[in-house]
Amino acid sequence: MAATTKPQTTPRQGCEFLTDKQSADRYGVHKATIHRWVKEGNFPKSIKLGSNCTRWKLSDLEAWEKSQQEAC
């Protein structure tokens, strides 16, 4: 039986996704805070990739960070 290998894939520029935990870790807050910020309209909206799979696009988070810096 021949060994199978998984094709190497790399994320396309601007297409990396973060979980709520990864997003929370990025900003030093609890993941519940991330969800609260979204509800309040103070954070980028998440993308639903499946019934139990919610993610944030890294490019959206980076754009939000830039807007927060400009607001100061």
N, C-alpha and C. Protein backbone atom coordinates (compact mmCIF):
# COMPACT_ATOMS: atom_id res chain seq x y z
N MET A 1 0.84 -1.17 0.00
CA MET A 1 0.00 0.00 0.00
C MET A 1 0.89 1.24 0.00
N ALA A 2 0.63 2.16 -0.87
CA ALA A 2 1.45 3.37 -0.99
C ALA A 2 1.08 4.36 0.11
N ALA A 3 2.10 5.03 0.59
CA ALA A 3 1.87 6.07 1.60
C ALA A 3 1.24 7.28 0.94
N THR A 4 0.28 7.85 1.62
CA THR A 4 -0.35 9.06 1.09
C THR A 4 0.16 10.26 1.86
N THR A 5 0.29 11.34 1.17
CA THR A 5 0.72 12.57 1.82
C THR A 5 -0.35 13.62 1.65
N LYS A 6 -0.47 14.45 2.65
CA LYS A 6 -1.41 15.55 2.60
C LYS A 6 -0.80 16.69 1.80
N PRO A 7 -1.53 17.29 0.91
CA PRO A 7 -0.96 18.41 0.16
C PRO A 7 -0.65 19.57 1.10
N GLN A 8 0.47 20.22 0.86
CA GLN A 8 0.84 21.38 1.66
C GLN A 8 0.00 22.57 1.21
N THR A 9 -0.65 23.21 2.14
CA THR A 9 -1.41 24.40 1.81
C THR A 9 -0.98 25.52 2.74
N THR A 10 -0.97 26.70 2.22
CA THR A 10 -0.66 27.87 3.03
C THR A 10 -1.83 28.83 2.91
N PRO A 11 -2.16 29.53 3.99
CA PRO A 11 -3.27 30.46 3.91
C PRO A 11 -2.99 31.57 2.92
N ARG A 12 -4.01 31.95 2.17
CA ARG A 12 -3.85 33.08 1.25
C ARG A 12 -3.75 34.35 2.07
N GLN A 13 -3.08 35.33 1.49
CA GLN A 13 -2.93 36.61 2.16
C GLN A 13 -4.31 37.14 2.56
N GLY A 14 -4.50 37.47 3.83
CA GLY A 14 -5.77 38.03 4.30
C GLY A 14 -6.86 37.01 4.54
N CYS A 15 -6.56 35.73 4.47
CA CYS A 15 -7.59 34.71 4.65
C CYS A 15 -7.35 33.84 5.87
N GLU A 16 -6.55 34.30 6.80
CA GLU A 16 -6.34 33.54 8.02
C GLU A 16 -7.49 33.83 8.98
N PHE A 17 -7.95 32.80 9.68
CA PHE A 17 -9.06 32.94 10.61
C PHE A 17 -8.62 32.66 12.04
N LEU A 18 -9.22 33.37 13.01
CA LEU A 18 -8.92 33.17 14.42
C LEU A 18 -10.19 32.77 15.15
N THR A 19 -10.04 31.92 16.16
CA THR A 19 -11.16 31.54 17.02
C THR A 19 -11.43 32.66 18.01
N ASP A 20 -12.51 32.52 18.78
CA ASP A 20 -12.78 33.51 19.82
C ASP A 20 -11.68 33.51 20.87
N LYS A 21 -11.15 32.34 21.19
CA LYS A 21 -10.05 32.25 22.17
C LYS A 21 -8.80 32.93 21.64
N GLN A 22 -8.46 32.67 20.39
CA GLN A 22 -7.28 33.30 19.79
C GLN A 22 -7.45 34.82 19.72
N SER A 23 -8.65 35.26 19.39
CA SER A 23 -8.92 36.70 19.33
C SER A 23 -8.82 37.31 20.72
N ALA A 24 -9.37 36.63 21.71
CA ALA A 24 -9.30 37.11 23.09
C ALA A 24 -7.85 37.18 23.57
N ASP A 25 -7.07 36.15 23.27
CA ASP A 25 -5.66 36.14 23.65
C ASP A 25 -4.91 37.29 22.98
N ARG A 26 -5.26 37.59 21.76
CA ARG A 26 -4.60 38.66 21.01
C ARG A 26 -4.77 40.01 21.72
N TYR A 27 -5.92 40.21 22.37
CA TYR A 27 -6.21 41.49 23.02
C TYR A 27 -6.15 41.42 24.54
N GLY A 28 -5.80 40.28 25.08
CA GLY A 28 -5.64 40.15 26.53
C GLY A 28 -6.95 40.23 27.30
N VAL A 29 -8.02 39.71 26.70
CA VAL A 29 -9.33 39.71 27.35
C VAL A 29 -9.90 38.29 27.32
N HIS A 30 -11.00 38.09 28.03
CA HIS A 30 -11.69 36.80 28.03
C HIS A 30 -12.53 36.71 26.75
N LYS A 31 -12.76 35.49 26.28
CA LYS A 31 -13.52 35.34 25.04
C LYS A 31 -14.95 35.86 25.17
N ALA A 32 -15.50 35.86 26.39
CA ALA A 32 -16.84 36.44 26.59
C ALA A 32 -16.83 37.94 26.28
N THR A 33 -15.71 38.59 26.55
CA THR A 33 -15.57 40.01 26.24
C THR A 33 -15.64 40.24 24.73
N ILE A 34 -15.00 39.35 23.97
CA ILE A 34 -15.04 39.46 22.51
C ILE A 34 -16.49 39.40 22.04
N HIS A 35 -17.26 38.44 22.55
CA HIS A 35 -18.66 38.29 22.13
C HIS A 35 -19.49 39.50 22.57
N ARG A 36 -19.21 40.04 23.74
CA ARG A 36 -19.92 41.24 24.20
C ARG A 36 -19.61 42.43 23.30
N TRP A 37 -18.33 42.60 22.95
CA TRP A 37 -17.95 43.70 22.05
C TRP A 37 -18.67 43.59 20.72
N VAL A 38 -18.80 42.36 20.20
CA VAL A 38 -19.51 42.16 18.93
C VAL A 38 -20.97 42.59 19.08
N LYS A 39 -21.62 42.16 20.17
CA LYS A 39 -23.02 42.52 20.40
C LYS A 39 -23.20 44.02 20.52
N GLU A 40 -22.21 44.69 21.12
CA GLU A 40 -22.27 46.15 21.30
C GLU A 40 -21.89 46.91 20.04
N GLY A 41 -21.40 46.20 19.02
CA GLY A 41 -20.99 46.84 17.78
C GLY A 41 -19.61 47.47 17.86
N ASN A 42 -18.81 47.03 18.84
CA ASN A 42 -17.47 47.59 19.05
C ASN A 42 -16.35 46.69 18.56
N PHE A 43 -16.68 45.66 17.79
CA PHE A 43 -15.68 44.69 17.35
C PHE A 43 -16.16 44.11 16.02
N PRO A 44 -15.24 43.70 15.15
CA PRO A 44 -15.67 43.13 13.86
C PRO A 44 -16.60 41.92 14.05
N LYS A 45 -17.53 41.78 13.14
CA LYS A 45 -18.44 40.63 13.18
C LYS A 45 -17.69 39.36 12.82
N SER A 46 -18.14 38.28 13.41
CA SER A 46 -17.53 36.99 13.12
C SER A 46 -18.14 36.41 11.85
N ILE A 47 -17.50 35.36 11.37
CA ILE A 47 -17.96 34.64 10.19
C ILE A 47 -18.33 33.23 10.63
N LYS A 48 -19.52 32.80 10.29
CA LYS A 48 -19.99 31.46 10.65
C LYS A 48 -19.55 30.50 9.55
N LEU A 49 -18.65 29.57 9.89
CA LEU A 49 -18.15 28.61 8.91
C LEU A 49 -18.87 27.27 9.00
N GLY A 50 -19.69 27.09 10.02
CA GLY A 50 -20.43 25.86 10.21
C GLY A 50 -21.33 26.02 11.42
N SER A 51 -22.05 24.97 11.78
CA SER A 51 -22.99 25.09 12.89
C SER A 51 -22.29 25.39 14.22
N ASN A 52 -21.09 24.90 14.41
CA ASN A 52 -20.34 25.16 15.64
C ASN A 52 -18.97 25.75 15.34
N CYS A 53 -18.88 26.54 14.30
CA CYS A 53 -17.58 27.06 13.87
C CYS A 53 -17.69 28.54 13.52
N THR A 54 -17.29 29.38 14.47
CA THR A 54 -17.30 30.83 14.28
C THR A 54 -15.87 31.32 14.31
N ARG A 55 -15.52 32.17 13.35
CA ARG A 55 -14.15 32.67 13.26
C ARG A 55 -14.16 34.14 12.89
N TRP A 56 -13.01 34.78 13.15
CA TRP A 56 -12.79 36.16 12.74
C TRP A 56 -11.66 36.18 11.73
N LYS A 57 -11.85 36.96 10.67
CA LYS A 57 -10.78 37.10 9.68
C LYS A 57 -9.69 37.98 10.28
N LEU A 58 -8.46 37.52 10.19
CA LEU A 58 -7.33 38.27 10.71
C LEU A 58 -7.27 39.65 10.07
N SER A 59 -7.54 39.73 8.78
CA SER A 59 -7.50 41.03 8.10
C SER A 59 -8.55 42.00 8.67
N ASP A 60 -9.72 41.48 9.08
CA ASP A 60 -10.74 42.33 9.71
C ASP A 60 -10.25 42.84 11.06
N LEU A 61 -9.58 41.96 11.82
CA LEU A 61 -9.06 42.37 13.13
C LEU A 61 -7.96 43.40 12.98
N GLU A 62 -7.10 43.22 12.00
CA GLU A 62 -6.02 44.18 11.77
C GLU A 62 -6.58 45.54 11.35
N ALA A 63 -7.61 45.54 10.53
CA ALA A 63 -8.25 46.80 10.12
C ALA A 63 -8.90 47.47 11.32
N TRP A 64 -9.53 46.68 12.19
CA TRP A 64 -10.14 47.22 13.41
C TRP A 64 -9.07 47.82 14.31
N GLU A 65 -7.94 47.13 14.46
CA GLU A 65 -6.84 47.64 15.28
C GLU A 65 -6.38 49.00 14.75
N LYS A 66 -6.24 49.10 13.45
CA LYS A 66 -5.79 50.35 12.83
C LYS A 66 -6.79 51.47 13.10
N SER A 67 -8.08 51.16 12.99
CA SER A 67 -9.11 52.18 13.24
C SER A 67 -9.10 52.63 14.70
N GLN A 68 -8.79 51.70 15.61
CA GLN A 68 -8.73 52.04 17.03
C GLN A 68 -7.54 52.96 17.32
N GLN A 69 -6.42 52.72 16.64
CA GLN A 69 -5.24 53.55 16.82
C GLN A 69 -5.49 54.95 16.27
N GLU A 70 -6.19 55.04 15.14
CA GLU A 70 -6.47 56.33 14.52
C GLU A 70 -7.46 57.14 15.35
N ALA A 71 -8.32 56.45 16.11
CA ALA A 71 -9.32 57.13 16.93
C ALA A 71 -8.69 57.79 18.16
N CYS A 72 -7.51 57.38 18.53
CA CYS A 72 -6.85 57.94 19.73
C CYS A 72 -6.22 59.27 19.48
